[in-house]
């Protein structure tokens, strides 16, 4: 018999069980990996879709056990419960409102997303990704989107990134026009005497004058 006191209450197919055999945080991490799991904030338990035959091996694979198995109490009648709580979110392409569950349940669902950040100024959760990619995740937890408004192109992350980049520079001209002043002499250049041209057909130069010596 298990001697640990930590346990997490779960509900599978209208039957209540307890997961035991480990620390609370470790067992909670395993539950959060199960697809379609949803936390019921009113009854303080996790609702897991499927059958006990499907869920039990997954839990025992991590060294934990599922105990109990009593009929669930206070199961809400379908359509009888109405939630007015709403949470505003903003994705890469839409702003929307999450509804269909209690505030606590929706908050838990949002916090389980990896790339999310709460903006205290707009009171909105910024979630990385497209709204369409999140639809199935929230629908599995009986939540839905309302008041979906497409974001302006200037507000999209890609547009802001391109706007921050400097405009491209125009390429230099391929042919630079010839200017006449490129061939004119420059005043500050030194002037050199031209060297005479000699050839074999020319007579030899005259002999140098005699040297005068003082007597």
N, C-alpha and C. Protein backbone atom coordinates (compact mmCIF):
# COMPACT_ATOMS: atom_id res chain seq x y z
N UNK A 1 0.85 -1.20 0.00
CA UNK A 1 0.00 0.00 0.00
C UNK A 1 0.88 1.24 0.00
N UNK A 2 0.44 2.23 -0.71
CA UNK A 2 1.25 3.44 -0.83
C UNK A 2 1.22 4.22 0.47
N UNK A 3 2.42 4.69 0.89
CA UNK A 3 2.53 5.44 2.15
C UNK A 3 2.59 6.94 1.95
N UNK A 4 2.68 7.40 0.72
CA UNK A 4 2.75 8.84 0.48
C UNK A 4 1.37 9.45 0.67
N UNK A 5 1.36 10.69 1.14
CA UNK A 5 0.10 11.37 1.42
C UNK A 5 -0.33 12.30 0.28
N UNK A 6 0.59 12.64 -0.64
CA UNK A 6 0.22 13.51 -1.75
C UNK A 6 -0.69 12.76 -2.71
N UNK A 7 -1.72 13.43 -3.17
CA UNK A 7 -2.64 12.83 -4.14
C UNK A 7 -3.28 13.94 -4.95
N UNK A 8 -3.68 13.59 -6.14
CA UNK A 8 -4.38 14.52 -7.03
C UNK A 8 -5.66 13.84 -7.48
N UNK A 9 -6.76 14.52 -7.32
CA UNK A 9 -8.06 13.96 -7.68
C UNK A 9 -8.29 14.16 -9.17
N UNK A 10 -8.73 13.08 -9.82
CA UNK A 10 -9.03 13.14 -11.24
C UNK A 10 -10.40 12.52 -11.49
N UNK A 11 -10.96 12.85 -12.64
CA UNK A 11 -12.26 12.29 -13.04
C UNK A 11 -12.12 11.73 -14.44
N UNK A 12 -12.43 10.45 -14.58
CA UNK A 12 -12.35 9.77 -15.86
C UNK A 12 -13.69 9.09 -16.12
N UNK A 13 -14.35 9.51 -17.17
CA UNK A 13 -15.60 8.87 -17.59
C UNK A 13 -16.60 8.80 -16.43
N UNK A 14 -16.80 9.95 -15.77
CA UNK A 14 -17.77 10.11 -14.68
C UNK A 14 -17.45 9.23 -13.47
N UNK A 15 -16.17 8.91 -13.30
CA UNK A 15 -15.70 8.19 -12.11
C UNK A 15 -14.53 8.98 -11.52
N UNK A 16 -14.52 9.10 -10.18
CA UNK A 16 -13.48 9.86 -9.50
C UNK A 16 -12.39 8.93 -8.98
N UNK A 17 -11.13 9.35 -9.21
CA UNK A 17 -9.97 8.58 -8.76
C UNK A 17 -8.97 9.54 -8.11
N UNK A 18 -7.90 8.95 -7.56
CA UNK A 18 -6.80 9.72 -7.00
C UNK A 18 -5.49 9.16 -7.55
N UNK A 19 -4.63 10.05 -8.00
CA UNK A 19 -3.28 9.65 -8.40
C UNK A 19 -2.38 9.81 -7.19
N UNK A 20 -1.64 8.77 -6.84
CA UNK A 20 -0.78 8.76 -5.66
C UNK A 20 0.56 8.14 -6.05
N UNK A 21 1.50 8.21 -5.09
CA UNK A 21 2.79 7.56 -5.29
C UNK A 21 3.94 8.48 -5.58
N UNK A 22 3.73 9.79 -5.53
CA UNK A 22 4.81 10.72 -5.80
C UNK A 22 4.53 12.08 -5.20
N UNK A 23 5.44 13.01 -5.44
CA UNK A 23 5.23 14.37 -4.97
C UNK A 23 4.16 15.06 -5.82
N UNK A 24 3.49 16.00 -5.19
CA UNK A 24 2.37 16.66 -5.86
C UNK A 24 2.80 17.30 -7.17
N UNK A 25 3.91 18.04 -7.17
CA UNK A 25 4.33 18.75 -8.38
C UNK A 25 4.72 17.78 -9.49
N UNK A 26 5.36 16.67 -9.12
CA UNK A 26 5.75 15.69 -10.13
C UNK A 26 4.52 15.06 -10.78
N UNK A 27 3.53 14.71 -9.97
CA UNK A 27 2.32 14.10 -10.53
C UNK A 27 1.54 15.11 -11.36
N UNK A 28 1.57 16.37 -10.94
CA UNK A 28 0.86 17.40 -11.69
C UNK A 28 1.48 17.59 -13.08
N UNK A 29 2.79 17.51 -13.17
CA UNK A 29 3.44 17.63 -14.48
C UNK A 29 3.03 16.50 -15.41
N UNK A 30 2.83 15.31 -14.86
CA UNK A 30 2.39 14.18 -15.69
C UNK A 30 0.97 14.40 -16.19
N UNK A 31 0.09 14.90 -15.33
CA UNK A 31 -1.29 15.15 -15.75
C UNK A 31 -1.34 16.19 -16.86
N UNK A 32 -0.50 17.21 -16.76
CA UNK A 32 -0.51 18.26 -17.77
C UNK A 32 -0.03 17.79 -19.13
N UNK A 33 0.60 16.65 -19.19
CA UNK A 33 1.04 16.09 -20.46
C UNK A 33 -0.04 15.26 -21.14
N UNK A 34 -1.13 14.97 -20.43
CA UNK A 34 -2.21 14.18 -21.01
C UNK A 34 -3.04 15.04 -21.95
N UNK A 35 -3.31 14.60 -23.16
CA UNK A 35 -4.09 15.42 -24.10
C UNK A 35 -5.54 15.56 -23.65
N UNK A 36 -6.06 16.78 -23.77
CA UNK A 36 -7.46 17.03 -23.46
C UNK A 36 -7.79 17.19 -22.00
N UNK A 37 -6.79 17.13 -21.11
CA UNK A 37 -7.10 17.27 -19.67
C UNK A 37 -7.57 18.68 -19.37
N UNK A 38 -8.45 18.79 -18.41
CA UNK A 38 -9.03 20.10 -18.06
C UNK A 38 -9.22 20.17 -16.55
N UNK A 39 -8.85 21.29 -15.97
CA UNK A 39 -9.00 21.46 -14.53
C UNK A 39 -10.35 22.08 -14.22
N UNK A 40 -11.10 21.44 -13.33
CA UNK A 40 -12.40 21.95 -12.87
C UNK A 40 -12.15 22.72 -11.58
N UNK A 41 -12.18 24.05 -11.70
CA UNK A 41 -11.88 24.88 -10.54
C UNK A 41 -12.93 24.81 -9.45
N UNK A 42 -14.18 24.51 -9.81
CA UNK A 42 -15.24 24.46 -8.81
C UNK A 42 -15.13 23.20 -7.94
N UNK A 43 -14.81 22.07 -8.55
CA UNK A 43 -14.72 20.82 -7.79
C UNK A 43 -13.28 20.44 -7.45
N UNK A 44 -12.31 21.24 -7.90
CA UNK A 44 -10.90 21.03 -7.55
C UNK A 44 -10.41 19.65 -7.99
N UNK A 45 -10.62 19.34 -9.24
CA UNK A 45 -10.14 18.07 -9.79
C UNK A 45 -9.84 18.24 -11.27
N UNK A 46 -9.11 17.25 -11.79
CA UNK A 46 -8.76 17.25 -13.21
C UNK A 46 -9.67 16.29 -13.96
N UNK A 47 -10.31 16.78 -15.00
CA UNK A 47 -11.16 15.96 -15.86
C UNK A 47 -10.31 15.49 -17.03
N UNK A 48 -10.18 14.17 -17.17
CA UNK A 48 -9.33 13.59 -18.20
C UNK A 48 -10.19 12.77 -19.15
N UNK A 49 -10.21 13.08 -20.43
CA UNK A 49 -11.02 12.30 -21.38
C UNK A 49 -10.41 10.92 -21.61
N UNK A 50 -11.26 9.96 -21.92
CA UNK A 50 -10.80 8.60 -22.18
C UNK A 50 -11.38 7.62 -21.18
N UNK A 51 -10.78 6.45 -21.11
CA UNK A 51 -11.22 5.40 -20.19
C UNK A 51 -10.10 5.11 -19.19
N UNK A 52 -10.47 4.49 -18.08
CA UNK A 52 -9.48 4.16 -17.06
C UNK A 52 -8.45 3.16 -17.62
N UNK A 53 -8.89 2.29 -18.53
CA UNK A 53 -7.96 1.32 -19.13
C UNK A 53 -6.90 2.02 -19.99
N UNK A 54 -7.25 3.18 -20.55
CA UNK A 54 -6.29 3.92 -21.37
C UNK A 54 -5.37 4.80 -20.51
N UNK A 55 -5.92 5.37 -19.44
CA UNK A 55 -5.16 6.32 -18.63
C UNK A 55 -4.25 5.62 -17.63
N UNK A 56 -4.69 4.53 -17.06
CA UNK A 56 -3.92 3.88 -16.00
C UNK A 56 -2.49 3.50 -16.45
N UNK A 57 -2.31 2.86 -17.62
CA UNK A 57 -0.93 2.52 -18.02
C UNK A 57 -0.04 3.75 -18.19
N UNK A 58 -0.61 4.85 -18.64
CA UNK A 58 0.19 6.06 -18.82
C UNK A 58 0.69 6.59 -17.48
N UNK A 59 -0.15 6.52 -16.45
CA UNK A 59 0.25 6.99 -15.13
C UNK A 59 1.24 6.03 -14.48
N UNK A 60 0.96 4.74 -14.58
CA UNK A 60 1.84 3.75 -13.96
C UNK A 60 3.20 3.69 -14.64
N UNK A 61 3.27 4.13 -15.88
CA UNK A 61 4.55 4.14 -16.59
C UNK A 61 5.56 5.08 -15.92
N UNK A 62 5.07 6.06 -15.17
CA UNK A 62 5.93 6.99 -14.45
C UNK A 62 6.12 6.60 -12.98
N UNK A 63 5.61 5.44 -12.60
CA UNK A 63 5.80 4.97 -11.23
C UNK A 63 4.72 5.40 -10.26
N UNK A 64 3.60 5.96 -10.74
CA UNK A 64 2.51 6.38 -9.87
C UNK A 64 1.33 5.40 -10.02
N UNK A 65 0.37 5.51 -9.12
CA UNK A 65 -0.78 4.62 -9.15
C UNK A 65 -2.08 5.43 -9.15
N UNK A 66 -3.11 4.79 -9.67
CA UNK A 66 -4.46 5.35 -9.63
C UNK A 66 -5.28 4.52 -8.66
N UNK A 67 -5.81 5.17 -7.65
CA UNK A 67 -6.60 4.48 -6.63
C UNK A 67 -8.03 5.00 -6.64
N UNK A 68 -8.92 4.24 -6.03
CA UNK A 68 -10.31 4.65 -5.92
C UNK A 68 -11.10 4.23 -7.13
N UNK A 69 -12.16 4.96 -7.36
CA UNK A 69 -13.07 4.66 -8.45
C UNK A 69 -14.50 4.73 -8.00
N UNK A 70 -14.92 5.90 -7.53
CA UNK A 70 -16.28 6.11 -7.06
C UNK A 70 -17.06 6.93 -8.07
N UNK A 71 -18.35 6.72 -8.17
CA UNK A 71 -19.15 7.52 -9.11
C UNK A 71 -19.01 9.01 -8.81
N UNK A 72 -18.87 9.77 -9.87
CA UNK A 72 -18.69 11.22 -9.71
C UNK A 72 -19.96 11.85 -9.17
N UNK A 73 -19.77 12.86 -8.33
CA UNK A 73 -20.88 13.60 -7.75
C UNK A 73 -20.92 15.01 -8.34
N UNK A 74 -22.13 15.59 -8.34
CA UNK A 74 -22.31 16.98 -8.78
C UNK A 74 -21.80 17.19 -10.20
N UNK A 75 -22.15 16.26 -11.09
CA UNK A 75 -21.78 16.44 -12.49
C UNK A 75 -22.73 17.45 -13.11
N UNK A 76 -22.23 18.55 -13.68
CA UNK A 76 -23.12 19.55 -14.26
C UNK A 76 -23.86 18.99 -15.47
N UNK A 77 -25.13 19.29 -15.55
CA UNK A 77 -25.94 18.87 -16.69
C UNK A 77 -25.51 19.66 -17.91
N UNK A 78 -25.39 18.98 -19.04
CA UNK A 78 -24.94 19.64 -20.26
C UNK A 78 -25.88 20.78 -20.62
N UNK A 79 -25.32 21.95 -20.79
CA UNK A 79 -26.09 23.12 -21.16
C UNK A 79 -26.69 23.85 -19.99
N UNK A 80 -26.60 23.29 -18.77
CA UNK A 80 -27.20 23.94 -17.61
C UNK A 80 -26.29 24.98 -16.99
N UNK A 81 -24.98 24.84 -17.22
CA UNK A 81 -24.03 25.78 -16.63
C UNK A 81 -23.68 26.85 -17.64
N UNK A 82 -23.77 28.09 -17.22
CA UNK A 82 -23.44 29.21 -18.09
C UNK A 82 -22.34 30.03 -17.43
N UNK A 83 -21.29 30.31 -18.18
CA UNK A 83 -20.18 31.10 -17.67
C UNK A 83 -20.16 32.45 -18.37
N UNK A 84 -20.02 33.49 -17.57
CA UNK A 84 -19.91 34.84 -18.11
C UNK A 84 -18.49 35.38 -18.05
N UNK A 85 -17.57 34.59 -17.51
CA UNK A 85 -16.19 35.04 -17.40
C UNK A 85 -15.55 35.10 -18.79
N UNK A 86 -14.68 36.09 -18.95
CA UNK A 86 -13.99 36.27 -20.22
C UNK A 86 -12.54 36.67 -19.96
N UNK A 87 -11.67 36.25 -20.86
CA UNK A 87 -10.26 36.64 -20.81
C UNK A 87 -9.87 37.09 -22.21
N UNK A 88 -9.30 38.27 -22.30
CA UNK A 88 -8.89 38.82 -23.59
C UNK A 88 -7.48 38.34 -23.93
N UNK A 89 -7.32 37.93 -25.19
CA UNK A 89 -6.02 37.48 -25.67
C UNK A 89 -5.68 38.19 -26.97
N UNK A 90 -4.42 38.16 -27.31
CA UNK A 90 -3.94 38.73 -28.57
C UNK A 90 -2.88 37.79 -29.14
N UNK A 91 -3.14 37.30 -30.36
CA UNK A 91 -2.18 36.43 -31.03
C UNK A 91 -1.45 37.24 -32.10
N UNK A 92 -0.69 36.54 -32.94
CA UNK A 92 0.05 37.24 -33.97
C UNK A 92 -0.86 37.85 -35.03
N UNK A 93 -2.08 37.32 -35.18
CA UNK A 93 -2.94 37.81 -36.25
C UNK A 93 -4.33 38.27 -35.80
N UNK A 94 -4.73 37.97 -34.56
CA UNK A 94 -6.07 38.34 -34.11
C UNK A 94 -6.05 38.78 -32.65
N UNK A 95 -7.06 39.56 -32.30
CA UNK A 95 -7.43 39.76 -30.90
C UNK A 95 -8.77 39.06 -30.69
N UNK A 96 -8.94 38.42 -29.55
CA UNK A 96 -10.15 37.64 -29.31
C UNK A 96 -10.43 37.57 -27.82
N UNK A 97 -11.59 37.00 -27.49
CA UNK A 97 -12.00 36.79 -26.11
C UNK A 97 -12.23 35.31 -25.88
N UNK A 98 -11.60 34.78 -24.85
CA UNK A 98 -11.79 33.37 -24.48
C UNK A 98 -12.96 33.29 -23.50
N UNK A 99 -13.90 32.40 -23.75
CA UNK A 99 -15.06 32.24 -22.89
C UNK A 99 -15.48 30.77 -22.92
N UNK A 100 -16.54 30.45 -22.15
CA UNK A 100 -17.04 29.08 -22.13
C UNK A 100 -16.69 28.30 -20.89
N UNK A 101 -15.91 28.89 -19.97
CA UNK A 101 -15.52 28.21 -18.73
C UNK A 101 -15.33 29.26 -17.65
N UNK A 102 -15.04 28.79 -16.46
CA UNK A 102 -14.81 29.73 -15.36
C UNK A 102 -13.49 30.46 -15.59
N UNK A 103 -13.36 31.61 -14.93
CA UNK A 103 -12.15 32.40 -15.09
C UNK A 103 -10.91 31.60 -14.70
N UNK A 104 -11.01 30.85 -13.60
CA UNK A 104 -9.87 30.08 -13.13
C UNK A 104 -9.47 29.01 -14.14
N UNK A 105 -10.45 28.32 -14.72
CA UNK A 105 -10.14 27.28 -15.70
C UNK A 105 -9.47 27.88 -16.93
N UNK A 106 -9.99 29.01 -17.40
CA UNK A 106 -9.40 29.63 -18.59
C UNK A 106 -8.00 30.15 -18.29
N UNK A 107 -7.81 30.68 -17.08
CA UNK A 107 -6.48 31.17 -16.71
C UNK A 107 -5.47 30.03 -16.65
N UNK A 108 -5.89 28.89 -16.10
CA UNK A 108 -5.01 27.72 -16.05
C UNK A 108 -4.65 27.26 -17.46
N UNK A 109 -5.63 27.27 -18.37
CA UNK A 109 -5.37 26.84 -19.74
C UNK A 109 -4.37 27.76 -20.43
N UNK A 110 -4.49 29.06 -20.21
CA UNK A 110 -3.57 30.01 -20.83
C UNK A 110 -2.17 29.87 -20.25
N UNK A 111 -2.08 29.68 -18.95
CA UNK A 111 -0.76 29.59 -18.31
C UNK A 111 -0.02 28.31 -18.70
N UNK A 112 -0.73 27.33 -19.23
CA UNK A 112 -0.07 26.11 -19.67
C UNK A 112 0.60 26.28 -21.03
N UNK A 113 0.30 27.38 -21.71
CA UNK A 113 0.97 27.66 -22.97
C UNK A 113 2.37 28.18 -22.69
N UNK A 114 3.32 27.80 -23.50
CA UNK A 114 4.71 28.14 -23.23
C UNK A 114 4.99 29.62 -23.49
N UNK A 115 4.60 30.12 -24.65
CA UNK A 115 4.94 31.49 -25.04
C UNK A 115 3.72 32.38 -24.82
N UNK A 116 3.53 32.84 -23.60
CA UNK A 116 2.44 33.77 -23.29
C UNK A 116 2.96 34.78 -22.28
N UNK A 117 2.42 35.99 -22.38
CA UNK A 117 2.84 37.08 -21.50
C UNK A 117 1.65 38.00 -21.24
N UNK A 118 1.46 38.38 -19.99
CA UNK A 118 0.34 39.24 -19.63
C UNK A 118 0.78 40.70 -19.71
N UNK A 119 -0.02 41.51 -20.41
CA UNK A 119 0.23 42.94 -20.53
C UNK A 119 -0.66 43.67 -19.53
N UNK A 120 -0.11 44.21 -18.45
CA UNK A 120 -0.96 44.84 -17.43
C UNK A 120 -1.64 46.11 -17.93
N UNK A 121 -1.09 46.78 -18.93
CA UNK A 121 -1.70 48.02 -19.42
C UNK A 121 -2.99 47.74 -20.18
N UNK A 122 -2.95 46.76 -21.09
CA UNK A 122 -4.14 46.44 -21.87
C UNK A 122 -5.00 45.35 -21.23
N UNK A 123 -4.51 44.76 -20.10
CA UNK A 123 -5.22 43.67 -19.42
C UNK A 123 -5.49 42.54 -20.40
N UNK A 124 -4.48 42.19 -21.16
CA UNK A 124 -4.63 41.21 -22.23
C UNK A 124 -3.44 40.25 -22.19
N UNK A 125 -3.70 39.00 -22.57
CA UNK A 125 -2.64 38.00 -22.65
C UNK A 125 -2.12 37.96 -24.08
N UNK A 126 -0.83 38.22 -24.27
CA UNK A 126 -0.20 38.10 -25.58
C UNK A 126 0.31 36.67 -25.75
N UNK A 127 -0.20 35.99 -26.77
CA UNK A 127 0.14 34.58 -27.00
C UNK A 127 0.81 34.47 -28.36
N UNK A 128 1.97 33.83 -28.38
CA UNK A 128 2.71 33.66 -29.63
C UNK A 128 2.04 32.63 -30.51
N UNK A 129 1.88 32.95 -31.79
CA UNK A 129 1.32 32.01 -32.75
C UNK A 129 0.04 32.53 -33.38
N UNK A 130 -0.49 31.76 -34.31
CA UNK A 130 -1.74 32.10 -35.00
C UNK A 130 -2.94 31.63 -34.17
N UNK A 131 -4.05 32.36 -34.31
CA UNK A 131 -5.25 32.01 -33.56
C UNK A 131 -5.78 30.64 -33.97
N UNK A 132 -5.67 30.31 -35.26
CA UNK A 132 -6.18 29.02 -35.73
C UNK A 132 -5.45 27.85 -35.09
N UNK A 133 -4.17 28.02 -34.78
CA UNK A 133 -3.42 26.93 -34.17
C UNK A 133 -3.81 26.70 -32.72
N UNK A 134 -4.51 27.64 -32.09
CA UNK A 134 -4.92 27.50 -30.70
C UNK A 134 -6.37 27.04 -30.55
N UNK A 135 -7.11 27.03 -31.64
CA UNK A 135 -8.54 26.71 -31.56
C UNK A 135 -8.78 25.31 -30.99
N UNK A 136 -8.08 24.32 -31.51
CA UNK A 136 -8.30 22.94 -31.05
C UNK A 136 -7.94 22.79 -29.57
N UNK A 137 -6.87 23.46 -29.16
CA UNK A 137 -6.44 23.35 -27.76
C UNK A 137 -7.53 23.84 -26.81
N UNK A 138 -8.14 24.99 -27.11
CA UNK A 138 -9.17 25.52 -26.22
C UNK A 138 -10.48 24.76 -26.37
N UNK A 139 -10.81 24.30 -27.56
CA UNK A 139 -12.06 23.55 -27.74
C UNK A 139 -12.03 22.23 -26.98
N UNK A 140 -10.86 21.63 -26.83
CA UNK A 140 -10.76 20.39 -26.05
C UNK A 140 -11.11 20.62 -24.58
N UNK A 141 -11.04 21.86 -24.14
CA UNK A 141 -11.36 22.19 -22.76
C UNK A 141 -12.69 22.94 -22.66
N UNK A 142 -13.53 22.75 -23.70
CA UNK A 142 -14.88 23.34 -23.74
C UNK A 142 -14.84 24.86 -23.71
N UNK A 143 -13.83 25.44 -24.27
CA UNK A 143 -13.72 26.89 -24.36
C UNK A 143 -13.79 27.30 -25.83
N UNK A 144 -14.10 28.56 -26.06
CA UNK A 144 -14.25 29.02 -27.43
C UNK A 144 -13.79 30.48 -27.53
N UNK A 145 -13.66 30.94 -28.77
CA UNK A 145 -13.25 32.32 -29.03
C UNK A 145 -14.47 33.14 -29.46
N UNK A 146 -14.51 34.37 -28.98
CA UNK A 146 -15.54 35.33 -29.39
C UNK A 146 -14.87 36.66 -29.70
N UNK A 147 -15.63 37.53 -30.40
CA UNK A 147 -15.17 38.89 -30.71
C UNK A 147 -13.80 38.88 -31.38
N UNK A 148 -13.64 38.01 -32.37
CA UNK A 148 -12.36 37.91 -33.06
C UNK A 148 -12.20 39.07 -34.05
N UNK A 149 -11.14 39.81 -33.91
CA UNK A 149 -10.87 40.97 -34.76
C UNK A 149 -9.46 40.81 -35.32
N UNK A 150 -9.37 40.89 -36.65
CA UNK A 150 -8.05 40.77 -37.28
C UNK A 150 -7.22 42.01 -36.97
N UNK A 151 -5.98 41.80 -36.67
CA UNK A 151 -5.08 42.90 -36.36
C UNK A 151 -4.66 43.61 -37.64
N UNK A 152 -4.42 44.92 -37.53
CA UNK A 152 -3.97 45.69 -38.68
C UNK A 152 -2.59 45.22 -39.10
N UNK A 153 -2.31 45.39 -40.38
CA UNK A 153 -1.01 44.93 -40.89
C UNK A 153 0.14 45.66 -40.21
N UNK A 154 -0.07 46.93 -39.87
CA UNK A 154 0.99 47.70 -39.22
C UNK A 154 1.25 47.22 -37.80
N UNK A 155 0.27 46.51 -37.20
CA UNK A 155 0.44 46.02 -35.83
C UNK A 155 1.05 44.63 -35.76
N UNK A 156 1.17 43.95 -36.91
CA UNK A 156 1.69 42.59 -36.90
C UNK A 156 3.17 42.60 -36.58
N UNK A 157 3.67 41.57 -35.92
CA UNK A 157 5.09 41.53 -35.56
C UNK A 157 6.01 41.62 -36.76
N UNK A 158 5.65 40.94 -37.89
CA UNK A 158 6.51 40.98 -39.06
C UNK A 158 6.59 42.37 -39.65
N UNK A 159 5.43 43.10 -39.64
CA UNK A 159 5.43 44.44 -40.18
C UNK A 159 6.28 45.37 -39.34
N UNK A 160 6.20 45.22 -38.03
CA UNK A 160 7.01 46.06 -37.16
C UNK A 160 8.49 45.80 -37.36
N UNK A 161 8.83 44.54 -37.64
CA UNK A 161 10.24 44.21 -37.85
C UNK A 161 10.76 44.85 -39.12
N UNK A 162 9.93 44.79 -40.19
CA UNK A 162 10.36 45.40 -41.44
C UNK A 162 10.40 46.91 -41.33
N UNK A 163 9.49 47.49 -40.56
CA UNK A 163 9.46 48.94 -40.44
C UNK A 163 10.68 49.46 -39.72
N UNK A 164 11.26 48.67 -38.83
CA UNK A 164 12.43 49.11 -38.08
C UNK A 164 13.70 49.06 -38.90
N UNK A 165 13.68 48.37 -40.05
CA UNK A 165 14.87 48.28 -40.87
C UNK A 165 15.01 49.52 -41.73
N UNK A 166 16.24 50.01 -41.93
CA UNK A 166 16.43 51.20 -42.77
C UNK A 166 16.13 50.87 -44.21
N UNK A 167 15.67 51.86 -45.00
CA UNK A 167 15.39 51.60 -46.40
C UNK A 167 16.66 51.25 -47.14
N UNK A 168 16.58 50.40 -48.16
CA UNK A 168 17.79 50.03 -48.91
C UNK A 168 18.35 51.21 -49.67
N UNK A 169 19.67 51.27 -49.77
CA UNK A 169 20.33 52.33 -50.50
C UNK A 169 20.29 52.03 -51.99
N UNK A 170 20.17 53.10 -52.81
CA UNK A 170 20.16 52.91 -54.25
C UNK A 170 21.55 52.54 -54.74
N UNK A 171 21.68 51.64 -55.71
CA UNK A 171 23.01 51.23 -56.18
C UNK A 171 23.69 52.37 -56.92
N UNK A 172 25.03 52.42 -56.95
CA UNK A 172 25.74 53.48 -57.68
C UNK A 172 25.56 53.29 -59.17
N UNK A 173 25.64 54.38 -59.96
CA UNK A 173 25.49 54.26 -61.42
C UNK A 173 26.61 53.43 -62.01
N UNK A 174 26.26 52.65 -63.04
CA UNK A 174 27.26 51.78 -63.66
C UNK A 174 28.24 52.57 -64.51
N UNK A 175 27.79 53.64 -65.19
CA UNK A 175 28.66 54.46 -66.05
C UNK A 175 28.69 55.87 -65.51
N UNK A 176 29.85 56.30 -65.08
CA UNK A 176 30.01 57.67 -64.60
C UNK A 176 30.31 58.55 -65.81
N UNK A 177 29.57 59.63 -66.05
CA UNK A 177 29.81 60.47 -67.24
C UNK A 177 31.19 61.10 -67.21
N UNK A 178 31.79 61.19 -68.41
CA UNK A 178 33.11 61.79 -68.54
C UNK A 178 32.99 63.31 -68.41
N UNK A 179 33.85 63.89 -67.64
CA UNK A 179 33.86 65.33 -67.44
C UNK A 179 35.12 65.91 -68.07
N UNK A 180 34.99 67.07 -68.71
CA UNK A 180 36.12 67.72 -69.37
C UNK A 180 37.20 68.12 -68.39
N UNK A 181 36.79 68.56 -67.22
CA UNK A 181 37.80 69.04 -66.28
C UNK A 181 38.69 67.93 -65.75
N UNK A 182 38.34 66.68 -66.01
CA UNK A 182 39.22 65.59 -65.61
C UNK A 182 40.54 65.61 -66.38
N UNK A 183 40.56 66.24 -67.58
CA UNK A 183 41.78 66.27 -68.40
C UNK A 183 42.54 67.58 -68.29
N UNK A 184 42.04 68.56 -67.62
CA UNK A 184 42.71 69.84 -67.49
C UNK A 184 43.82 69.74 -66.47
N UNK A 185 44.93 70.48 -66.66
CA UNK A 185 46.03 70.43 -65.69
C UNK A 185 45.62 71.06 -64.37
N UNK A 186 46.24 70.60 -63.37
CA UNK A 186 45.99 71.15 -62.04
C UNK A 186 47.05 72.19 -61.74
N UNK A 187 46.64 73.33 -61.21
CA UNK A 187 47.57 74.44 -61.02
C UNK A 187 48.68 74.12 -60.05
N UNK A 188 48.39 73.34 -59.05
CA UNK A 188 49.40 73.11 -58.03
C UNK A 188 50.33 71.95 -58.36
N UNK A 189 50.22 71.35 -59.56
CA UNK A 189 51.14 70.29 -59.94
C UNK A 189 52.47 70.90 -60.38
N UNK A 190 53.61 70.30 -60.03
CA UNK A 190 54.91 70.86 -60.47
C UNK A 190 55.10 70.73 -61.98
N UNK A 191 55.78 71.72 -62.57
CA UNK A 191 56.02 71.75 -64.02
C UNK A 191 57.42 71.22 -64.28
N UNK A 192 57.56 70.26 -65.16
CA UNK A 192 58.85 69.67 -65.51
C UNK A 192 59.19 70.05 -66.95
N UNK A 193 60.51 70.34 -67.17
CA UNK A 193 60.97 70.61 -68.54
C UNK A 193 60.93 69.33 -69.35
N UNK A 194 60.54 69.50 -70.60
CA UNK A 194 60.47 68.33 -71.46
C UNK A 194 61.87 67.84 -71.80
N UNK A 195 62.05 66.59 -71.89
CA UNK A 195 63.33 65.98 -72.23
C UNK A 195 63.43 65.86 -73.74
N UNK A 196 64.57 66.35 -74.38
CA UNK A 196 64.68 66.27 -75.84
C UNK A 196 64.71 64.82 -76.30
N UNK A 197 64.24 64.61 -77.49
CA UNK A 197 64.17 63.28 -78.06
C UNK A 197 65.39 63.06 -78.94
N UNK A 198 66.08 61.98 -78.77
CA UNK A 198 67.25 61.64 -79.56
C UNK A 198 66.99 60.36 -80.33
N UNK A 199 67.59 60.29 -81.52
CA UNK A 199 67.52 59.08 -82.33
C UNK A 199 68.86 58.84 -83.00
N UNK A 200 69.04 57.71 -83.64
CA UNK A 200 70.31 57.37 -84.29
C UNK A 200 70.57 58.21 -85.53
N UNK A 201 69.53 58.75 -86.15
CA UNK A 201 69.70 59.55 -87.37
C UNK A 201 70.14 60.96 -87.07
N UNK A 202 70.10 61.38 -85.91
CA UNK A 202 70.46 62.76 -85.57
C UNK A 202 71.98 62.84 -85.38
N UNK A 203 72.58 64.00 -85.75
CA UNK A 203 74.03 64.17 -85.54
C UNK A 203 74.35 64.20 -84.06
N UNK A 204 75.58 63.85 -83.74
CA UNK A 204 75.93 63.87 -82.31
C UNK A 204 75.91 65.28 -81.77
N UNK A 205 75.75 65.45 -80.55
CA UNK A 205 75.73 66.80 -79.97
C UNK A 205 77.12 67.43 -80.06
N UNK A 206 77.18 68.75 -80.10
CA UNK A 206 78.50 69.43 -80.18
C UNK A 206 79.30 69.15 -78.92
N UNK A 207 80.66 69.23 -79.10
CA UNK A 207 81.49 68.99 -77.91
C UNK A 207 81.29 70.09 -76.89
N UNK A 208 81.56 69.81 -75.71
CA UNK A 208 81.40 70.85 -74.68
C UNK A 208 82.47 71.92 -74.83
N UNK A 209 82.22 73.11 -74.43
CA UNK A 209 83.21 74.19 -74.54
C UNK A 209 84.43 73.87 -73.69
N UNK A 210 85.62 74.43 -74.12
CA UNK A 210 86.82 74.16 -73.31
C UNK A 210 86.70 74.76 -71.93
N UNK A 211 87.39 74.13 -71.07
CA UNK A 211 87.38 74.61 -69.70
C UNK A 211 88.40 75.73 -69.55
N UNK A 212 88.04 76.72 -68.96
CA UNK A 212 88.94 77.86 -68.72
C UNK A 212 89.54 77.71 -67.36
N UNK A 213 90.87 77.83 -67.40
CA UNK A 213 91.59 77.72 -66.14
C UNK A 213 92.30 79.04 -65.86
N UNK A 214 92.34 79.41 -64.68
CA UNK A 214 93.04 80.63 -64.29
C UNK A 214 94.55 80.37 -64.29
N UNK A 215 95.31 81.30 -64.93
CA UNK A 215 96.76 81.15 -64.92
C UNK A 215 97.35 81.87 -63.73
